[in-house]
Amino acid sequence: MKSGTKDQAEGTFHQLAGKAKEIAGKLSENPRLEAEGSDEKIIGTVQKKIGQIKKVFEK
């Protein structure tokens, strides 16, 4: 798997995991878990964008 594609896949995974943590934090009224989920979503978005940029330069 190429580096750009791998980064995009991992970014998507982090976005989904972050969303799950964020929802779990809201349901359990745990602001720390909610913030952790929000942070992970942002990390996933950044990683996904990096993967997209790498794919452009791989061609």
PDB file of N, CA and C in Angstrom:
ATOM      1  N   MET A   1       0.851  -1.171   0.000  1.00  0.00           N
ATOM      2  CA  MET A   1       0.000   0.000   0.000  1.00  0.00           C
ATOM      3  C   MET A   1       0.899   1.237   0.000  1.00  0.00           C
ATOM      4  N   LYS A   2       0.562   2.180  -0.849  1.00  0.00           N
ATOM      5  CA  LYS A   2       1.355   3.396  -0.935  1.00  0.00           C
ATOM      6  C   LYS A   2       1.170   4.244   0.318  1.00  0.00           C
ATOM      7  N   SER A   3       2.153   5.072   0.578  1.00  0.00           N
ATOM      8  CA  SER A   3       2.172   5.895   1.786  1.00  0.00           C
ATOM      9  C   SER A   3       0.958   6.815   1.893  1.00  0.00           C
ATOM     10  N   GLY A   4       0.582   7.442   0.786  1.00  0.00           N
ATOM     11  CA  GLY A   4      -0.561   8.365   0.802  1.00  0.00           C
ATOM     12  C   GLY A   4      -1.862   7.652   1.108  1.00  0.00           C
ATOM     13  N   THR A   5      -2.037   6.478   0.510  1.00  0.00           N
ATOM     14  CA  THR A   5      -3.250   5.697   0.742  1.00  0.00           C
ATOM     15  C   THR A   5      -3.307   5.218   2.184  1.00  0.00           C
ATOM     16  N   LYS A   6      -2.160   4.804   2.709  1.00  0.00           N
ATOM     17  CA  LYS A   6      -2.085   4.335   4.099  1.00  0.00           C
ATOM     18  C   LYS A   6      -2.457   5.471   5.064  1.00  0.00           C
ATOM     19  N   ASP A   7      -1.924   6.656   4.812  1.00  0.00           N
ATOM     20  CA  ASP A   7      -2.238   7.802   5.671  1.00  0.00           C
ATOM     21  C   ASP A   7      -3.725   8.140   5.620  1.00  0.00           C
ATOM     22  N   GLN A   8      -4.315   8.055   4.435  1.00  0.00           N
ATOM     23  CA  GLN A   8      -5.739   8.342   4.315  1.00  0.00           C
ATOM     24  C   GLN A   8      -6.554   7.319   5.102  1.00  0.00           C
ATOM     25  N   ALA A   9      -6.185   6.046   5.003  1.00  0.00           N
ATOM     26  CA  ALA A   9      -6.916   5.001   5.722  1.00  0.00           C
ATOM     27  C   ALA A   9      -6.784   5.178   7.229  1.00  0.00           C
ATOM     28  N   GLU A  10      -5.570   5.441   7.692  1.00  0.00           N
ATOM     29  CA  GLU A  10      -5.356   5.646   9.124  1.00  0.00           C
ATOM     30  C   GLU A  10      -6.080   6.899   9.611  1.00  0.00           C
ATOM     31  N   GLY A  11      -6.095   7.934   8.788  1.00  0.00           N
ATOM     32  CA  GLY A  11      -6.801   9.159   9.148  1.00  0.00           C
ATOM     33  C   GLY A  11      -8.290   8.915   9.317  1.00  0.00           C
ATOM     34  N   THR A  12      -8.863   8.145   8.411  1.00  0.00           N
ATOM     35  CA  THR A  12     -10.284   7.804   8.502  1.00  0.00           C
ATOM     36  C   THR A  12     -10.557   7.002   9.771  1.00  0.00           C
ATOM     37  N   PHE A  13      -9.662   6.059  10.074  1.00  0.00           N
ATOM     38  CA  PHE A  13      -9.820   5.262  11.297  1.00  0.00           C
ATOM     39  C   PHE A  13      -9.806   6.157  12.535  1.00  0.00           C
ATOM     40  N   HIS A  14      -8.863   7.098  12.595  1.00  0.00           N
ATOM     41  CA  HIS A  14      -8.781   7.995  13.751  1.00  0.00           C
ATOM     42  C   HIS A  14     -10.016   8.891  13.848  1.00  0.00           C
ATOM     43  N   GLN A  15     -10.550   9.307  12.707  1.00  0.00           N
ATOM     44  CA  GLN A  15     -11.762  10.121  12.722  1.00  0.00           C
ATOM     45  C   GLN A  15     -12.923   9.328  13.324  1.00  0.00           C
ATOM     46  N   LEU A  16     -13.069   8.081  12.904  1.00  0.00           N
ATOM     47  CA  LEU A  16     -14.172   7.256  13.410  1.00  0.00           C
ATOM     48  C   LEU A  16     -13.990   6.929  14.893  1.00  0.00           C
ATOM     49  N   ALA A  17     -12.764   6.593  15.275  1.00  0.00           N
ATOM     50  CA  ALA A  17     -12.498   6.287  16.680  1.00  0.00           C
ATOM     51  C   ALA A  17     -12.732   7.522  17.547  1.00  0.00           C
ATOM     52  N   GLY A  18     -12.321   8.680  17.059  1.00  0.00           N
ATOM     53  CA  GLY A  18     -12.531   9.920  17.790  1.00  0.00           C
ATOM     54  C   GLY A  18     -14.002  10.242  17.956  1.00  0.00           C
ATOM     55  N   LYS A  19     -14.770  10.015  16.907  1.00  0.00           N
ATOM     56  CA  LYS A  19     -16.219  10.266  16.969  1.00  0.00           C
ATOM     57  C   LYS A  19     -16.862   9.344  18.000  1.00  0.00           C
ATOM     58  N   ALA A  20     -16.433   8.072  18.032  1.00  0.00           N
ATOM     59  CA  ALA A  20     -16.974   7.120  19.006  1.00  0.00           C
ATOM     60  C   ALA A  20     -16.635   7.546  20.435  1.00  0.00           C
ATOM     61  N   LYS A  21     -15.395   7.975  20.648  1.00  0.00           N
ATOM     62  CA  LYS A  21     -14.996   8.433  21.987  1.00  0.00           C
ATOM     63  C   LYS A  21     -15.776   9.682  22.391  1.00  0.00           C
ATOM     64  N   GLU A  22     -15.964  10.575  21.435  1.00  0.00           N
ATOM     65  CA  GLU A  22     -16.695  11.815  21.710  1.00  0.00           C
ATOM     66  C   GLU A  22     -18.134  11.500  22.132  1.00  0.00           C
ATOM     67  N   ILE A  23     -18.778  10.596  21.421  1.00  0.00           N
ATOM     68  CA  ILE A  23     -20.155  10.210  21.755  1.00  0.00           C
ATOM     69  C   ILE A  23     -20.193   9.506  23.111  1.00  0.00           C
ATOM     70  N   ALA A  24     -19.230   8.608  23.349  1.00  0.00           N
ATOM     71  CA  ALA A  24     -19.175   7.903  24.631  1.00  0.00           C
ATOM     72  C   ALA A  24     -18.967   8.892  25.782  1.00  0.00           C
ATOM     73  N   GLY A  25     -18.148   9.901  25.558  1.00  0.00           N
ATOM     74  CA  GLY A  25     -17.916  10.920  26.575  1.00  0.00           C
ATOM     75  C   GLY A  25     -19.167  11.729  26.872  1.00  0.00           C
ATOM     76  N   LYS A  26     -19.933  12.034  25.837  1.00  0.00           N
ATOM     77  CA  LYS A  26     -21.180  12.783  26.038  1.00  0.00           C
ATOM     78  C   LYS A  26     -22.196  11.942  26.803  1.00  0.00           C
ATOM     79  N   LEU A  27     -22.312  10.666  26.408  1.00  0.00           N
ATOM     80  CA  LEU A  27     -23.297   9.796  27.054  1.00  0.00           C
ATOM     81  C   LEU A  27     -22.955   9.514  28.509  1.00  0.00           C
ATOM     82  N   SER A  28     -21.671   9.368  28.799  1.00  0.00           N
ATOM     83  CA  SER A  28     -21.260   9.069  30.170  1.00  0.00           C
ATOM     84  C   SER A  28     -20.952  10.337  30.966  1.00  0.00           C
ATOM     85  N   GLU A  29     -21.182  11.486  30.342  1.00  0.00           N
ATOM     86  CA  GLU A  29     -20.904  12.791  30.969  1.00  0.00           C
ATOM     87  C   GLU A  29     -19.464  12.869  31.459  1.00  0.00           C
ATOM     88  N   ASN A  30     -18.551  12.432  30.605  1.00  0.00           N
ATOM     89  CA  ASN A  30     -17.125  12.439  30.897  1.00  0.00           C
ATOM     90  C   ASN A  30     -16.453  13.447  29.952  1.00  0.00           C
ATOM     91  N   PRO A  31     -16.224  14.670  30.425  1.00  0.00           N
ATOM     92  CA  PRO A  31     -15.665  15.695  29.535  1.00  0.00           C
ATOM     93  C   PRO A  31     -14.256  15.364  29.046  1.00  0.00           C
ATOM     94  N   ARG A  32     -13.490  14.630  29.838  1.00  0.00           N
ATOM     95  CA  ARG A  32     -12.131  14.266  29.426  1.00  0.00           C
ATOM     96  C   ARG A  32     -12.175  13.327  28.211  1.00  0.00           C
ATOM     97  N   LEU A  33     -13.046  12.327  28.247  1.00  0.00           N
ATOM     98  CA  LEU A  33     -13.185  11.388  27.137  1.00  0.00           C
ATOM     99  C   LEU A  33     -13.727  12.094  25.895  1.00  0.00           C
ATOM    100  N   GLU A  34     -14.653  13.001  26.114  1.00  0.00           N
ATOM    101  CA  GLU A  34     -15.220  13.776  25.011  1.00  0.00           C
ATOM    102  C   GLU A  34     -14.138  14.627  24.337  1.00  0.00           C
ATOM    103  N   ALA A  35     -13.292  15.271  25.130  1.00  0.00           N
ATOM    104  CA  ALA A  35     -12.203  16.091  24.592  1.00  0.00           C
ATOM    105  C   ALA A  35     -11.170  15.222  23.876  1.00  0.00           C
ATOM    106  N   GLU A  36     -10.885  14.063  24.445  1.00  0.00           N
ATOM    107  CA  GLU A  36      -9.942  13.139  23.817  1.00  0.00           C
ATOM    108  C   GLU A  36     -10.463  12.702  22.439  1.00  0.00           C
ATOM    109  N   GLY A  37     -11.746  12.429  22.358  1.00  0.00           N
ATOM    110  CA  GLY A  37     -12.355  12.057  21.096  1.00  0.00           C
ATOM    111  C   GLY A  37     -12.295  13.178  20.076  1.00  0.00           C
ATOM    112  N   SER A  38     -12.550  14.384  20.532  1.00  0.00           N
ATOM    113  CA  SER A  38     -12.491  15.543  19.649  1.00  0.00           C
ATOM    114  C   SER A  38     -11.073  15.730  19.105  1.00  0.00           C
ATOM    115  N   ASP A  39     -10.087  15.581  19.975  1.00  0.00           N
ATOM    116  CA  ASP A  39      -8.693  15.700  19.556  1.00  0.00           C
ATOM    117  C   ASP A  39      -8.329  14.624  18.531  1.00  0.00           C
ATOM    118  N   GLU A  40      -8.786  13.403  18.775  1.00  0.00           N
ATOM    119  CA  GLU A  40      -8.466  12.312  17.858  1.00  0.00           C
ATOM    120  C   GLU A  40      -9.116  12.526  16.486  1.00  0.00           C
ATOM    121  N   LYS A  41     -10.317  13.106  16.484  1.00  0.00           N
ATOM    122  CA  LYS A  41     -10.974  13.424  15.208  1.00  0.00           C
ATOM    123  C   LYS A  41     -10.146  14.429  14.417  1.00  0.00           C
ATOM    124  N   ILE A  42      -9.630  15.429  15.091  1.00  0.00           N
ATOM    125  CA  ILE A  42      -8.810  16.451  14.434  1.00  0.00           C
ATOM    126  C   ILE A  42      -7.522  15.827  13.897  1.00  0.00           C
ATOM    127  N   ILE A  43      -6.897  14.973  14.685  1.00  0.00           N
ATOM    128  CA  ILE A  43      -5.679  14.282  14.248  1.00  0.00           C
ATOM    129  C   ILE A  43      -5.971  13.447  13.006  1.00  0.00           C
ATOM    130  N   GLY A  44      -7.103  12.774  13.003  1.00  0.00           N
ATOM    131  CA  GLY A  44      -7.493  11.975  11.852  1.00  0.00           C
ATOM    132  C   GLY A  44      -7.696  12.811  10.609  1.00  0.00           C
ATOM    133  N   THR A  45      -8.307  13.961  10.773  1.00  0.00           N
ATOM    134  CA  THR A  45      -8.539  14.858   9.637  1.00  0.00           C
ATOM    135  C   THR A  45      -7.212  15.339   9.050  1.00  0.00           C
ATOM    136  N   VAL A  46      -6.289  15.700   9.921  1.00  0.00           N
ATOM    137  CA  VAL A  46      -4.977  16.168   9.465  1.00  0.00           C
ATOM    138  C   VAL A  46      -4.231  15.041   8.750  1.00  0.00           C
ATOM    139  N   GLN A  47      -4.249  13.846   9.328  1.00  0.00           N
ATOM    140  CA  GLN A  47      -3.554  12.724   8.726  1.00  0.00           C
ATOM    141  C   GLN A  47      -4.157  12.365   7.358  1.00  0.00           C
ATOM    142  N   LYS A  48      -5.466  12.452   7.258  1.00  0.00           N
ATOM    143  CA  LYS A  48      -6.135  12.169   5.993  1.00  0.00           C
ATOM    144  C   LYS A  48      -5.722  13.184   4.926  1.00  0.00           C
ATOM    145  N   LYS A  49      -5.633  14.462   5.294  1.00  0.00           N
ATOM    146  CA  LYS A  49      -5.211  15.506   4.354  1.00  0.00           C
ATOM    147  C   LYS A  49      -3.759  15.294   3.925  1.00  0.00           C
ATOM    148  N   ILE A  50      -2.913  14.878   4.847  1.00  0.00           N
ATOM    149  CA  ILE A  50      -1.516  14.597   4.507  1.00  0.00           C
ATOM    150  C   ILE A  50      -1.458  13.471   3.480  1.00  0.00           C
ATOM    151  N   GLY A  51      -2.282  12.457   3.676  1.00  0.00           N
ATOM    152  CA  GLY A  51      -2.342  11.358   2.718  1.00  0.00           C
ATOM    153  C   GLY A  51      -2.776  11.824   1.343  1.00  0.00           C
ATOM    154  N   GLN A  52      -3.738  12.736   1.293  1.00  0.00           N
ATOM    155  CA  GLN A  52      -4.200  13.260   0.008  1.00  0.00           C
ATOM    156  C   GLN A  52      -3.081  14.034  -0.693  1.00  0.00           C
ATOM    157  N   ILE A  53      -2.337  14.803   0.068  1.00  0.00           N
ATOM    158  CA  ILE A  53      -1.221  15.577  -0.496  1.00  0.00           C
ATOM    159  C   ILE A  53      -0.138  14.632  -1.021  1.00  0.00           C
ATOM    160  N   LYS A  54       0.171  13.584  -0.248  1.00  0.00           N
ATOM    161  CA  LYS A  54       1.172  12.611  -0.686  1.00  0.00           C
ATOM    162  C   LYS A  54       0.750  11.940  -1.986  1.00  0.00           C
ATOM    163  N   LYS A  55      -0.541  11.629  -2.114  1.00  0.00           N
ATOM    164  CA  LYS A  55      -1.022  10.981  -3.340  1.00  0.00           C
ATOM    165  C   LYS A  55      -0.817  11.887  -4.550  1.00  0.00           C
ATOM    166  N   VAL A  56      -0.983  13.177  -4.375  1.00  0.00           N
ATOM    167  CA  VAL A  56      -0.800  14.113  -5.480  1.00  0.00           C
ATOM    168  C   VAL A  56       0.656  14.099  -5.935  1.00  0.00           C
ATOM    169  N   PHE A  57       1.586  14.070  -4.991  1.00  0.00           N
ATOM    170  CA  PHE A  57       3.001  14.126  -5.326  1.00  0.00           C
ATOM    171  C   PHE A  57       3.578  12.774  -5.735  1.00  0.00           C
ATOM    172  N   GLU A  58       2.864  11.690  -5.487  1.00  0.00           N
ATOM    173  CA  GLU A  58       3.344  10.370  -5.889  1.00  0.00           C
ATOM    174  C   GLU A  58       3.221  10.163  -7.385  1.00  0.00           C
ATOM    175  N   LYS A  59       2.350  10.884  -8.033  1.00  0.00           N
ATOM    176  CA  LYS A  59       2.095  10.676  -9.470  1.00  0.00           C
ATOM    177  C   LYS A  59       3.199  11.225 -10.329  1.00  0.00           C
TER     178      LYS A  59
END
